[in-house]
Amino acid sequence: MFSIIQAAGWPIWFLLIASVIALALIIERIIYLRRDRILPRSLLNEVIAVYQNEQINDDVLDKLAQNSPLGYVLAAGLRNADAEREMMKESIEEAGRAVSHHLERFLTTIGTIATLAPLMGLFGTVVGMIEIFGAQNAVGANPVQLAHGISIALYNTGFGLLIAMPALIFYRHFRALVDGYIVDMEQQAVKFIDIVHGKRKS
């Protein structure tokens, strides 16, 4: 492996750093963006039961907000359960925007690496081409320098594509996952609002 890095020249170090960052962020997002962590299955029913039994207090609200992103959104609604429907909906939407921003954390960085890695590989290719042209002299080409330039050009192009493809796949996957979570969260929040204001009218 080290011999490949040596053959690829100094431009490969930028790609290696990018690959380590991308791998770390992908692992972090895989661990964080689990469905049971974002949208616990029975949480909405538990919140409805707490509301219907009138067991709302600051301690319950704080625990709910720290439970999960869905809990944070429902806690915002529960804090404004006695307010008008529009005010309750507005508070849930504001909490939803904060949660959405948190769910999308690091996705921009992964997407940037996916876009930038081929360009970094291309930069390495250009450096390799410069080495190849530098191998030419009045007598002829220096075979060692020529081979080194070709190695730099090919290895950097290959590494750039190797990093970009999985990074792009995971970026798209995480983006779709977050969008799906946000839609589910909105549906559960609307259901909660309907139950709260339906009960008040009856």
N, C-alpha and C. Protein backbone atom coordinates (compact mmCIF):
# COMPACT_ATOMS: atom_id res chain seq x y z
N MET A 1 0.83 -1.21 0.00
CA MET A 1 0.00 0.00 0.00
C MET A 1 0.87 1.26 0.00
N PHE A 2 1.90 1.25 0.85
CA PHE A 2 2.78 2.41 0.94
C PHE A 2 3.52 2.65 -0.38
N SER A 3 3.83 1.55 -1.09
CA SER A 3 4.51 1.68 -2.38
C SER A 3 3.60 2.36 -3.42
N ILE A 4 2.29 2.07 -3.32
CA ILE A 4 1.32 2.71 -4.22
C ILE A 4 1.25 4.21 -3.93
N ILE A 5 1.23 4.55 -2.64
CA ILE A 5 1.19 5.97 -2.24
C ILE A 5 2.44 6.69 -2.72
N GLN A 6 3.59 6.03 -2.59
CA GLN A 6 4.84 6.63 -3.08
C GLN A 6 4.79 6.83 -4.59
N ALA A 7 4.26 5.83 -5.30
CA ALA A 7 4.18 5.92 -6.76
C ALA A 7 3.21 7.01 -7.21
N ALA A 8 2.18 7.25 -6.40
CA ALA A 8 1.17 8.25 -6.75
C ALA A 8 1.65 9.68 -6.50
N GLY A 9 2.72 9.85 -5.76
CA GLY A 9 3.28 11.18 -5.54
C GLY A 9 2.54 11.98 -4.47
N TRP A 10 3.02 13.19 -4.24
CA TRP A 10 2.45 14.01 -3.16
C TRP A 10 0.99 14.41 -3.35
N PRO A 11 0.43 14.53 -4.58
CA PRO A 11 -0.98 14.90 -4.68
C PRO A 11 -1.94 13.89 -4.03
N ILE A 12 -1.48 12.64 -3.86
CA ILE A 12 -2.36 11.61 -3.29
C ILE A 12 -2.72 11.90 -1.84
N TRP A 13 -1.87 12.67 -1.14
CA TRP A 13 -2.13 12.94 0.29
C TRP A 13 -3.41 13.74 0.49
N PHE A 14 -3.73 14.64 -0.43
CA PHE A 14 -4.99 15.38 -0.34
C PHE A 14 -6.19 14.43 -0.45
N LEU A 15 -6.07 13.45 -1.36
CA LEU A 15 -7.15 12.48 -1.54
C LEU A 15 -7.27 11.55 -0.33
N LEU A 16 -6.14 11.17 0.27
CA LEU A 16 -6.19 10.32 1.46
C LEU A 16 -6.85 11.02 2.63
N ILE A 17 -6.53 12.30 2.80
CA ILE A 17 -7.16 13.09 3.87
C ILE A 17 -8.67 13.19 3.63
N ALA A 18 -9.05 13.46 2.38
CA ALA A 18 -10.47 13.55 2.03
C ALA A 18 -11.19 12.23 2.28
N SER A 19 -10.51 11.11 1.96
CA SER A 19 -11.14 9.79 2.15
C SER A 19 -11.35 9.48 3.63
N VAL A 20 -10.40 9.86 4.48
CA VAL A 20 -10.52 9.63 5.93
C VAL A 20 -11.68 10.45 6.49
N ILE A 21 -11.77 11.71 6.07
CA ILE A 21 -12.87 12.58 6.54
C ILE A 21 -14.21 12.02 6.08
N ALA A 22 -14.30 11.64 4.81
CA ALA A 22 -15.56 11.10 4.27
C ALA A 22 -15.97 9.83 5.01
N LEU A 23 -15.02 8.93 5.25
CA LEU A 23 -15.32 7.68 5.94
C LEU A 23 -15.82 7.93 7.36
N ALA A 24 -15.16 8.85 8.07
CA ALA A 24 -15.56 9.17 9.44
C ALA A 24 -16.98 9.74 9.48
N LEU A 25 -17.29 10.65 8.55
CA LEU A 25 -18.62 11.28 8.52
C LEU A 25 -19.70 10.28 8.11
N ILE A 26 -19.37 9.39 7.18
CA ILE A 26 -20.34 8.38 6.75
C ILE A 26 -20.68 7.43 7.90
N ILE A 27 -19.66 6.99 8.64
CA ILE A 27 -19.90 6.11 9.80
C ILE A 27 -20.74 6.83 10.85
N GLU A 28 -20.42 8.10 11.11
CA GLU A 28 -21.17 8.87 12.11
C GLU A 28 -22.64 9.00 11.71
N ARG A 29 -22.90 9.28 10.41
CA ARG A 29 -24.28 9.44 9.94
C ARG A 29 -25.04 8.10 9.94
N ILE A 30 -24.35 7.00 9.64
CA ILE A 30 -24.99 5.68 9.68
C ILE A 30 -25.46 5.38 11.11
N ILE A 31 -24.61 5.68 12.08
CA ILE A 31 -24.96 5.44 13.49
C ILE A 31 -26.08 6.37 13.94
N TYR A 32 -25.99 7.66 13.56
CA TYR A 32 -26.97 8.64 14.05
C TYR A 32 -28.32 8.51 13.36
N LEU A 33 -28.34 8.30 12.07
CA LEU A 33 -29.60 8.33 11.31
C LEU A 33 -30.32 6.98 11.30
N ARG A 34 -30.41 6.37 12.47
CA ARG A 34 -31.20 5.14 12.59
C ARG A 34 -32.64 5.52 12.88
N ARG A 35 -33.56 4.80 12.28
CA ARG A 35 -34.98 5.16 12.39
C ARG A 35 -35.48 5.16 13.83
N ASP A 36 -35.10 4.15 14.61
CA ASP A 36 -35.59 4.07 15.99
C ASP A 36 -35.01 5.19 16.86
N ARG A 37 -33.93 5.79 16.39
CA ARG A 37 -33.34 6.93 17.13
C ARG A 37 -34.02 8.25 16.75
N ILE A 38 -34.42 8.36 15.51
CA ILE A 38 -35.04 9.61 15.02
C ILE A 38 -36.54 9.61 15.26
N LEU A 39 -37.20 8.49 14.94
CA LEU A 39 -38.66 8.39 15.06
C LEU A 39 -39.04 7.15 15.87
N PRO A 40 -38.91 7.20 17.20
CA PRO A 40 -39.31 6.05 18.02
C PRO A 40 -40.77 5.68 17.76
N ARG A 41 -41.04 4.40 17.60
CA ARG A 41 -42.35 3.95 17.13
C ARG A 41 -43.52 4.36 18.03
N SER A 42 -43.38 4.15 19.33
CA SER A 42 -44.51 4.37 20.24
C SER A 42 -44.54 5.77 20.85
N LEU A 43 -43.62 6.63 20.42
CA LEU A 43 -43.50 7.93 21.09
C LEU A 43 -44.75 8.78 20.94
N LEU A 44 -45.32 8.85 19.75
CA LEU A 44 -46.52 9.68 19.54
C LEU A 44 -47.65 9.22 20.44
N ASN A 45 -47.88 7.92 20.52
CA ASN A 45 -48.96 7.40 21.39
C ASN A 45 -48.70 7.73 22.85
N GLU A 46 -47.45 7.68 23.27
CA GLU A 46 -47.09 8.02 24.65
C GLU A 46 -47.35 9.50 24.93
N VAL A 47 -47.00 10.35 23.97
CA VAL A 47 -47.23 11.81 24.13
C VAL A 47 -48.73 12.10 24.18
N ILE A 48 -49.50 11.44 23.34
CA ILE A 48 -50.96 11.62 23.35
C ILE A 48 -51.54 11.20 24.69
N ALA A 49 -51.05 10.08 25.22
CA ALA A 49 -51.52 9.60 26.53
C ALA A 49 -51.18 10.60 27.64
N VAL A 50 -49.97 11.15 27.61
CA VAL A 50 -49.55 12.16 28.60
C VAL A 50 -50.45 13.38 28.52
N TYR A 51 -50.75 13.82 27.30
CA TYR A 51 -51.61 14.99 27.12
C TYR A 51 -53.03 14.71 27.62
N GLN A 52 -53.58 13.56 27.25
CA GLN A 52 -54.96 13.24 27.62
C GLN A 52 -55.11 13.03 29.12
N ASN A 53 -54.04 12.55 29.77
CA ASN A 53 -54.08 12.36 31.24
C ASN A 53 -53.65 13.61 32.00
N GLU A 54 -53.36 14.68 31.23
CA GLU A 54 -52.98 15.99 31.80
C GLU A 54 -51.78 15.85 32.76
N GLN A 55 -50.75 15.14 32.30
CA GLN A 55 -49.55 14.92 33.10
C GLN A 55 -48.39 15.79 32.61
N ILE A 56 -48.72 16.91 32.00
CA ILE A 56 -47.67 17.78 31.41
C ILE A 56 -47.02 18.62 32.50
N ASN A 57 -45.69 18.55 32.55
CA ASN A 57 -44.91 19.45 33.42
C ASN A 57 -43.54 19.68 32.77
N ASP A 58 -42.76 20.56 33.34
CA ASP A 58 -41.47 20.93 32.75
C ASP A 58 -40.52 19.75 32.64
N ASP A 59 -40.55 18.89 33.65
CA ASP A 59 -39.66 17.72 33.65
C ASP A 59 -40.01 16.78 32.50
N VAL A 60 -41.29 16.54 32.29
CA VAL A 60 -41.76 15.68 31.20
C VAL A 60 -41.39 16.28 29.85
N LEU A 61 -41.57 17.59 29.71
CA LEU A 61 -41.26 18.27 28.45
C LEU A 61 -39.77 18.23 28.14
N ASP A 62 -38.93 18.42 29.17
CA ASP A 62 -37.47 18.38 28.97
C ASP A 62 -37.02 16.98 28.56
N LYS A 63 -37.56 15.94 29.21
CA LYS A 63 -37.19 14.57 28.86
C LYS A 63 -37.65 14.22 27.44
N LEU A 64 -38.84 14.70 27.08
CA LEU A 64 -39.37 14.45 25.74
C LEU A 64 -38.50 15.12 24.68
N ALA A 65 -38.09 16.36 24.93
CA ALA A 65 -37.26 17.10 23.97
C ALA A 65 -35.91 16.44 23.76
N GLN A 66 -35.37 15.79 24.83
CA GLN A 66 -34.07 15.14 24.73
C GLN A 66 -34.16 13.70 24.23
N ASN A 67 -35.38 13.18 24.14
CA ASN A 67 -35.59 11.78 23.74
C ASN A 67 -35.13 11.49 22.32
N SER A 68 -35.52 12.35 21.38
CA SER A 68 -35.25 12.12 19.95
C SER A 68 -35.64 13.39 19.19
N PRO A 69 -35.27 13.48 17.91
CA PRO A 69 -35.73 14.61 17.10
C PRO A 69 -37.26 14.73 17.06
N LEU A 70 -37.96 13.60 16.93
CA LEU A 70 -39.43 13.63 16.96
C LEU A 70 -39.92 14.13 18.31
N GLY A 71 -39.27 13.68 19.38
CA GLY A 71 -39.63 14.14 20.71
C GLY A 71 -39.46 15.64 20.86
N TYR A 72 -38.41 16.19 20.26
CA TYR A 72 -38.16 17.63 20.31
C TYR A 72 -39.29 18.40 19.65
N VAL A 73 -39.75 17.88 18.50
CA VAL A 73 -40.85 18.52 17.76
C VAL A 73 -42.16 18.44 18.54
N LEU A 74 -42.45 17.26 19.08
CA LEU A 74 -43.70 17.08 19.84
C LEU A 74 -43.69 17.87 21.14
N ALA A 75 -42.52 18.00 21.76
CA ALA A 75 -42.39 18.80 22.99
C ALA A 75 -42.72 20.26 22.71
N ALA A 76 -42.29 20.76 21.55
CA ALA A 76 -42.61 22.14 21.16
C ALA A 76 -44.11 22.32 21.01
N GLY A 77 -44.79 21.32 20.44
CA GLY A 77 -46.24 21.38 20.31
C GLY A 77 -46.93 21.28 21.65
N LEU A 78 -46.41 20.41 22.51
CA LEU A 78 -47.01 20.20 23.83
C LEU A 78 -46.90 21.44 24.70
N ARG A 79 -45.80 22.19 24.55
CA ARG A 79 -45.63 23.44 25.31
C ARG A 79 -46.69 24.47 24.93
N ASN A 80 -47.19 24.36 23.69
CA ASN A 80 -48.19 25.32 23.21
C ASN A 80 -49.54 24.65 22.97
N ALA A 81 -49.81 23.58 23.73
CA ALA A 81 -51.06 22.83 23.54
C ALA A 81 -52.28 23.66 23.90
N ASP A 82 -52.12 24.63 24.79
CA ASP A 82 -53.26 25.47 25.19
C ASP A 82 -53.46 26.67 24.27
N ALA A 83 -52.54 26.88 23.35
CA ALA A 83 -52.63 28.03 22.44
C ALA A 83 -53.53 27.70 21.25
N GLU A 84 -53.75 28.70 20.40
CA GLU A 84 -54.54 28.48 19.18
C GLU A 84 -53.82 27.49 18.26
N ARG A 85 -54.60 26.89 17.37
CA ARG A 85 -54.05 25.88 16.46
C ARG A 85 -52.88 26.42 15.64
N GLU A 86 -53.02 27.65 15.11
CA GLU A 86 -51.98 28.23 14.27
C GLU A 86 -50.69 28.47 15.05
N MET A 87 -50.83 28.91 16.31
CA MET A 87 -49.64 29.16 17.14
C MET A 87 -48.93 27.84 17.47
N MET A 88 -49.73 26.81 17.75
CA MET A 88 -49.16 25.50 18.04
C MET A 88 -48.45 24.95 16.81
N LYS A 89 -49.10 25.10 15.66
CA LYS A 89 -48.51 24.64 14.40
C LYS A 89 -47.22 25.39 14.10
N GLU A 90 -47.21 26.69 14.35
CA GLU A 90 -46.02 27.51 14.08
C GLU A 90 -44.84 27.09 14.96
N SER A 91 -45.13 26.79 16.24
CA SER A 91 -44.06 26.36 17.15
C SER A 91 -43.48 25.00 16.73
N ILE A 92 -44.35 24.11 16.23
CA ILE A 92 -43.90 22.80 15.74
C ILE A 92 -43.06 22.96 14.48
N GLU A 93 -43.48 23.86 13.60
CA GLU A 93 -42.72 24.10 12.36
C GLU A 93 -41.34 24.67 12.67
N GLU A 94 -41.27 25.57 13.64
CA GLU A 94 -39.99 26.16 14.03
C GLU A 94 -39.05 25.10 14.60
N ALA A 95 -39.61 24.21 15.45
CA ALA A 95 -38.82 23.11 16.00
C ALA A 95 -38.40 22.15 14.88
N GLY A 96 -39.29 21.94 13.92
CA GLY A 96 -39.00 21.06 12.79
C GLY A 96 -37.85 21.57 11.95
N ARG A 97 -37.78 22.89 11.77
CA ARG A 97 -36.66 23.47 11.00
C ARG A 97 -35.33 23.24 11.70
N ALA A 98 -35.34 23.38 13.04
CA ALA A 98 -34.12 23.14 13.82
C ALA A 98 -33.69 21.67 13.72
N VAL A 99 -34.67 20.78 13.83
CA VAL A 99 -34.40 19.34 13.73
C VAL A 99 -33.88 18.98 12.34
N SER A 100 -34.50 19.55 11.31
CA SER A 100 -34.09 19.30 9.92
C SER A 100 -32.63 19.70 9.71
N HIS A 101 -32.26 20.85 10.24
CA HIS A 101 -30.88 21.33 10.13
C HIS A 101 -29.92 20.35 10.82
N HIS A 102 -30.35 19.82 11.97
CA HIS A 102 -29.50 18.89 12.71
C HIS A 102 -29.37 17.55 11.98
N LEU A 103 -30.45 17.09 11.37
CA LEU A 103 -30.41 15.82 10.63
C LEU A 103 -29.51 15.93 9.39
N GLU A 104 -29.44 17.12 8.80
CA GLU A 104 -28.66 17.32 7.58
C GLU A 104 -27.19 17.64 7.86
N ARG A 105 -26.83 17.64 9.15
CA ARG A 105 -25.45 17.96 9.53
C ARG A 105 -24.46 17.01 8.85
N PHE A 106 -23.39 17.53 8.34
CA PHE A 106 -22.29 16.82 7.66
C PHE A 106 -22.63 16.34 6.25
N LEU A 107 -23.90 16.42 5.83
CA LEU A 107 -24.24 15.96 4.48
C LEU A 107 -23.59 16.85 3.42
N THR A 108 -23.52 18.15 3.69
CA THR A 108 -22.88 19.06 2.74
C THR A 108 -21.40 18.71 2.58
N THR A 109 -20.75 18.34 3.68
CA THR A 109 -19.32 17.99 3.61
C THR A 109 -19.12 16.72 2.79
N ILE A 110 -19.99 15.71 3.00
CA ILE A 110 -19.89 14.46 2.23
C ILE A 110 -20.13 14.75 0.75
N GLY A 111 -21.13 15.58 0.45
CA GLY A 111 -21.41 15.95 -0.94
C GLY A 111 -20.27 16.72 -1.57
N THR A 112 -19.64 17.58 -0.78
CA THR A 112 -18.50 18.36 -1.29
C THR A 112 -17.32 17.44 -1.62
N ILE A 113 -17.05 16.47 -0.76
CA ILE A 113 -15.96 15.52 -1.01
C ILE A 113 -16.26 14.70 -2.27
N ALA A 114 -17.54 14.29 -2.43
CA ALA A 114 -17.93 13.52 -3.61
C ALA A 114 -17.69 14.32 -4.89
N THR A 115 -17.93 15.63 -4.82
CA THR A 115 -17.74 16.49 -5.99
C THR A 115 -16.26 16.84 -6.20
N LEU A 116 -15.56 17.03 -5.10
CA LEU A 116 -14.19 17.52 -5.16
C LEU A 116 -13.16 16.43 -5.46
N ALA A 117 -13.44 15.19 -5.04
CA ALA A 117 -12.46 14.10 -5.19
C ALA A 117 -12.01 13.89 -6.64
N PRO A 118 -12.93 13.85 -7.63
CA PRO A 118 -12.46 13.71 -9.02
C PRO A 118 -11.60 14.87 -9.48
N LEU A 119 -11.92 16.09 -8.99
CA LEU A 119 -11.12 17.25 -9.35
C LEU A 119 -9.72 17.17 -8.73
N MET A 120 -9.66 16.65 -7.51
CA MET A 120 -8.36 16.45 -6.87
C MET A 120 -7.56 15.39 -7.62
N GLY A 121 -8.27 14.35 -8.10
CA GLY A 121 -7.62 13.34 -8.92
C GLY A 121 -7.12 13.92 -10.23
N LEU A 122 -7.93 14.81 -10.79
CA LEU A 122 -7.54 15.48 -12.04
C LEU A 122 -6.30 16.36 -11.82
N PHE A 123 -6.26 17.01 -10.65
CA PHE A 123 -5.08 17.81 -10.31
C PHE A 123 -3.83 16.93 -10.27
N GLY A 124 -3.96 15.75 -9.66
CA GLY A 124 -2.85 14.81 -9.63
C GLY A 124 -2.45 14.35 -11.03
N THR A 125 -3.46 14.19 -11.89
CA THR A 125 -3.18 13.82 -13.29
C THR A 125 -2.37 14.90 -13.99
N VAL A 126 -2.74 16.15 -13.75
CA VAL A 126 -2.01 17.28 -14.35
C VAL A 126 -0.57 17.31 -13.85
N VAL A 127 -0.40 17.06 -12.54
CA VAL A 127 0.96 17.01 -11.98
C VAL A 127 1.76 15.89 -12.65
N GLY A 128 1.11 14.74 -12.87
CA GLY A 128 1.77 13.63 -13.55
C GLY A 128 2.15 13.97 -14.98
N MET A 129 1.26 14.68 -15.67
CA MET A 129 1.56 15.09 -17.05
C MET A 129 2.75 16.05 -17.09
N ILE A 130 2.82 16.93 -16.09
CA ILE A 130 3.97 17.85 -16.02
C ILE A 130 5.26 17.05 -15.84
N GLU A 131 5.19 16.00 -14.99
CA GLU A 131 6.36 15.12 -14.79
C GLU A 131 6.75 14.45 -16.11
N ILE A 132 5.74 14.00 -16.88
CA ILE A 132 6.00 13.32 -18.15
C ILE A 132 6.71 14.26 -19.13
N PHE A 133 6.18 15.49 -19.23
CA PHE A 133 6.80 16.46 -20.14
C PHE A 133 8.19 16.87 -19.64
N GLY A 134 8.34 16.86 -18.30
CA GLY A 134 9.65 17.18 -17.73
C GLY A 134 10.69 16.11 -18.01
N ALA A 135 10.22 14.90 -18.34
CA ALA A 135 11.14 13.80 -18.63
C ALA A 135 11.78 13.93 -20.01
N GLN A 136 11.18 14.81 -20.84
CA GLN A 136 11.71 14.99 -22.21
C GLN A 136 12.93 15.93 -22.17
N ASN A 137 13.96 15.56 -22.88
CA ASN A 137 15.12 16.44 -23.02
C ASN A 137 15.69 16.28 -24.43
N ALA A 138 16.77 16.95 -24.70
CA ALA A 138 17.35 16.94 -26.06
C ALA A 138 17.79 15.53 -26.48
N VAL A 139 18.24 14.75 -25.50
CA VAL A 139 18.72 13.39 -25.80
C VAL A 139 17.55 12.44 -26.01
N GLY A 140 16.48 12.63 -25.23
CA GLY A 140 15.31 11.75 -25.28
C GLY A 140 14.60 11.77 -23.94
N ALA A 141 13.76 10.81 -23.72
CA ALA A 141 12.98 10.77 -22.48
C ALA A 141 13.73 9.98 -21.41
N ASN A 142 13.66 10.48 -20.18
CA ASN A 142 14.21 9.76 -19.03
C ASN A 142 13.17 8.70 -18.62
N PRO A 143 13.45 7.41 -18.79
CA PRO A 143 12.44 6.36 -18.54
C PRO A 143 11.93 6.34 -17.11
N VAL A 144 12.80 6.58 -16.14
CA VAL A 144 12.39 6.56 -14.73
C VAL A 144 11.43 7.69 -14.44
N GLN A 145 11.77 8.89 -14.89
CA GLN A 145 10.93 10.07 -14.67
C GLN A 145 9.61 9.93 -15.44
N LEU A 146 9.69 9.34 -16.62
CA LEU A 146 8.49 9.12 -17.44
C LEU A 146 7.53 8.16 -16.74
N ALA A 147 8.06 7.06 -16.22
CA ALA A 147 7.24 6.08 -15.51
C ALA A 147 6.62 6.69 -14.26
N HIS A 148 7.40 7.52 -13.55
CA HIS A 148 6.90 8.18 -12.34
C HIS A 148 5.74 9.12 -12.66
N GLY A 149 5.88 9.86 -13.75
CA GLY A 149 4.81 10.78 -14.17
C GLY A 149 3.54 10.03 -14.54
N ILE A 150 3.68 8.90 -15.22
CA ILE A 150 2.51 8.09 -15.58
C ILE A 150 1.84 7.53 -14.33
N SER A 151 2.64 7.09 -13.37
CA SER A 151 2.10 6.58 -12.11
C SER A 151 1.29 7.64 -11.37
N ILE A 152 1.85 8.83 -11.28
CA ILE A 152 1.13 9.93 -10.62
C ILE A 152 -0.19 10.21 -11.31
N ALA A 153 -0.14 10.28 -12.63
CA ALA A 153 -1.36 10.60 -13.40
C ALA A 153 -2.45 9.55 -13.20
N LEU A 154 -2.11 8.28 -13.32
CA LEU A 154 -3.10 7.21 -13.27
C LEU A 154 -3.60 6.93 -11.85
N TYR A 155 -2.69 6.87 -10.90
CA TYR A 155 -3.10 6.57 -9.52
C TYR A 155 -4.02 7.66 -8.95
N ASN A 156 -3.69 8.91 -9.20
CA ASN A 156 -4.52 10.00 -8.66
C ASN A 156 -5.92 10.01 -9.30
N THR A 157 -5.99 9.77 -10.60
CA THR A 157 -7.29 9.68 -11.26
C THR A 157 -8.12 8.55 -10.67
N GLY A 158 -7.47 7.39 -10.51
CA GLY A 158 -8.16 6.22 -9.95
C GLY A 158 -8.63 6.45 -8.53
N PHE A 159 -7.76 7.00 -7.67
CA PHE A 159 -8.12 7.27 -6.29
C PHE A 159 -9.24 8.29 -6.19
N GLY A 160 -9.18 9.32 -7.03
CA GLY A 160 -10.23 10.34 -7.02
C GLY A 160 -11.60 9.75 -7.30
N LEU A 161 -11.68 8.88 -8.30
CA LEU A 161 -12.95 8.22 -8.64
C LEU A 161 -13.37 7.23 -7.57
N LEU A 162 -12.40 6.54 -6.99
CA LEU A 162 -12.67 5.55 -5.95
C LEU A 162 -13.28 6.19 -4.70
N ILE A 163 -12.85 7.40 -4.40
CA ILE A 163 -13.40 8.13 -3.24
C ILE A 163 -14.75 8.75 -3.59
N ALA A 164 -14.86 9.31 -4.79
CA ALA A 164 -16.06 10.06 -5.17
C ALA A 164 -17.30 9.17 -5.28
N MET A 165 -17.15 7.97 -5.83
CA MET A 165 -18.33 7.13 -6.08
C MET A 165 -19.06 6.71 -4.81
N PRO A 166 -18.39 6.11 -3.81
CA PRO A 166 -19.11 5.77 -2.57
C PRO A 166 -19.60 7.00 -1.81
N ALA A 167 -18.81 8.09 -1.83
CA ALA A 167 -19.24 9.32 -1.14
C ALA A 167 -20.53 9.85 -1.74
N LEU A 168 -20.64 9.83 -3.06
CA LEU A 168 -21.85 10.29 -3.74
C LEU A 168 -23.05 9.38 -3.43
N ILE A 169 -22.81 8.07 -3.42
CA ILE A 169 -23.88 7.12 -3.11
C ILE A 169 -24.42 7.35 -1.70
N PHE A 170 -23.52 7.49 -0.72
CA PHE A 170 -23.96 7.72 0.65
C PHE A 170 -24.62 9.08 0.82
N TYR A 171 -24.10 10.09 0.12
CA TYR A 171 -24.72 11.42 0.18
C TYR A 171 -26.18 11.35 -0.28
N ARG A 172 -26.41 10.70 -1.42
CA ARG A 172 -27.78 10.56 -1.95
C ARG A 172 -28.65 9.75 -1.00
N HIS A 173 -28.08 8.68 -0.45
CA HIS A 173 -28.84 7.82 0.48
C HIS A 173 -29.25 8.59 1.73
N PHE A 174 -28.30 9.31 2.33
CA PHE A 174 -28.60 10.07 3.54
C PHE A 174 -29.60 11.19 3.26
N ARG A 175 -29.47 11.84 2.11
CA ARG A 175 -30.40 12.90 1.73
C ARG A 175 -31.84 12.36 1.64
N ALA A 176 -32.00 11.21 0.97
CA ALA A 176 -33.32 10.58 0.84
C ALA A 176 -33.85 10.15 2.21
N LEU A 177 -32.96 9.64 3.06
CA LEU A 177 -33.34 9.20 4.40
C LEU A 177 -33.86 10.37 5.23
N VAL A 178 -33.13 11.46 5.22
CA VAL A 178 -33.53 12.65 5.98
C VAL A 178 -34.84 13.20 5.46
N ASP A 179 -35.01 13.28 4.15
CA ASP A 179 -36.27 13.77 3.58
C ASP A 179 -37.45 12.90 4.02
N GLY A 180 -37.24 11.58 4.03
CA GLY A 180 -38.29 10.67 4.48
C GLY A 180 -38.63 10.86 5.95
N TYR A 181 -37.61 11.05 6.78
CA TYR A 181 -37.84 11.29 8.21
C TYR A 181 -38.63 12.57 8.45
N ILE A 182 -38.28 13.61 7.70
CA ILE A 182 -38.96 14.90 7.88
C ILE A 182 -40.44 14.78 7.50
N VAL A 183 -40.74 14.07 6.41
CA VAL A 183 -42.13 13.86 6.00
C VAL A 183 -42.90 13.09 7.08
N ASP A 184 -42.31 12.01 7.61
CA ASP A 184 -42.95 11.23 8.68
C ASP A 184 -43.18 12.08 9.93
N MET A 185 -42.19 12.91 10.25
CA MET A 185 -42.30 13.78 11.42
C MET A 185 -43.44 14.78 11.26
N GLU A 186 -43.55 15.34 10.06
CA GLU A 186 -44.64 16.29 9.79
C GLU A 186 -46.00 15.62 9.92
N GLN A 187 -46.12 14.40 9.42
CA GLN A 187 -47.39 13.67 9.49
C GLN A 187 -47.77 13.39 10.94
N GLN A 188 -46.81 12.98 11.75
CA GLN A 188 -47.10 12.70 13.16
C GLN A 188 -47.43 13.98 13.92
N ALA A 189 -46.74 15.06 13.58
CA ALA A 189 -47.03 16.35 14.23
C ALA A 189 -48.44 16.83 13.89
N VAL A 190 -48.84 16.70 12.63
CA VAL A 190 -50.20 17.09 12.21
C VAL A 190 -51.24 16.25 12.92
N LYS A 191 -51.00 14.96 13.06
CA LYS A 191 -51.91 14.07 13.77
C LYS A 191 -52.05 14.50 15.22
N PHE A 192 -50.93 14.88 15.84
CA PHE A 192 -50.95 15.34 17.23
C PHE A 192 -51.75 16.64 17.37
N ILE A 193 -51.55 17.57 16.44
CA ILE A 193 -52.31 18.84 16.46
C ILE A 193 -53.80 18.56 16.33
N ASP A 194 -54.18 17.67 15.41
CA ASP A 194 -55.59 17.34 15.19
C ASP A 194 -56.22 16.72 16.45
N ILE A 195 -55.46 15.86 17.15
CA ILE A 195 -55.97 15.24 18.36
C ILE A 195 -56.16 16.28 19.47
N VAL A 196 -55.17 17.16 19.63
CA VAL A 196 -55.24 18.20 20.66
C VAL A 196 -56.43 19.12 20.44
N HIS A 197 -56.57 19.61 19.22
CA HIS A 197 -57.65 20.58 18.95
C HIS A 197 -58.99 19.89 18.75
N GLY A 198 -58.99 18.63 18.36
CA GLY A 198 -60.24 17.88 18.29
C GLY A 198 -60.82 17.64 19.65
N LYS A 199 -59.93 17.33 20.62
CA LYS A 199 -60.36 17.10 22.00
C LYS A 199 -60.92 18.40 22.61
N ARG A 200 -60.26 19.51 22.29
CA ARG A 200 -60.67 20.79 22.87
C ARG A 200 -62.07 21.19 22.38
N LYS A 201 -62.37 20.86 21.10
CA LYS A 201 -63.67 21.22 20.55
C LYS A 201 -64.79 20.34 21.09
N SER A 202 -64.45 19.08 21.44
CA SER A 202 -65.50 18.15 21.88
C SER A 202 -65.92 18.41 23.32
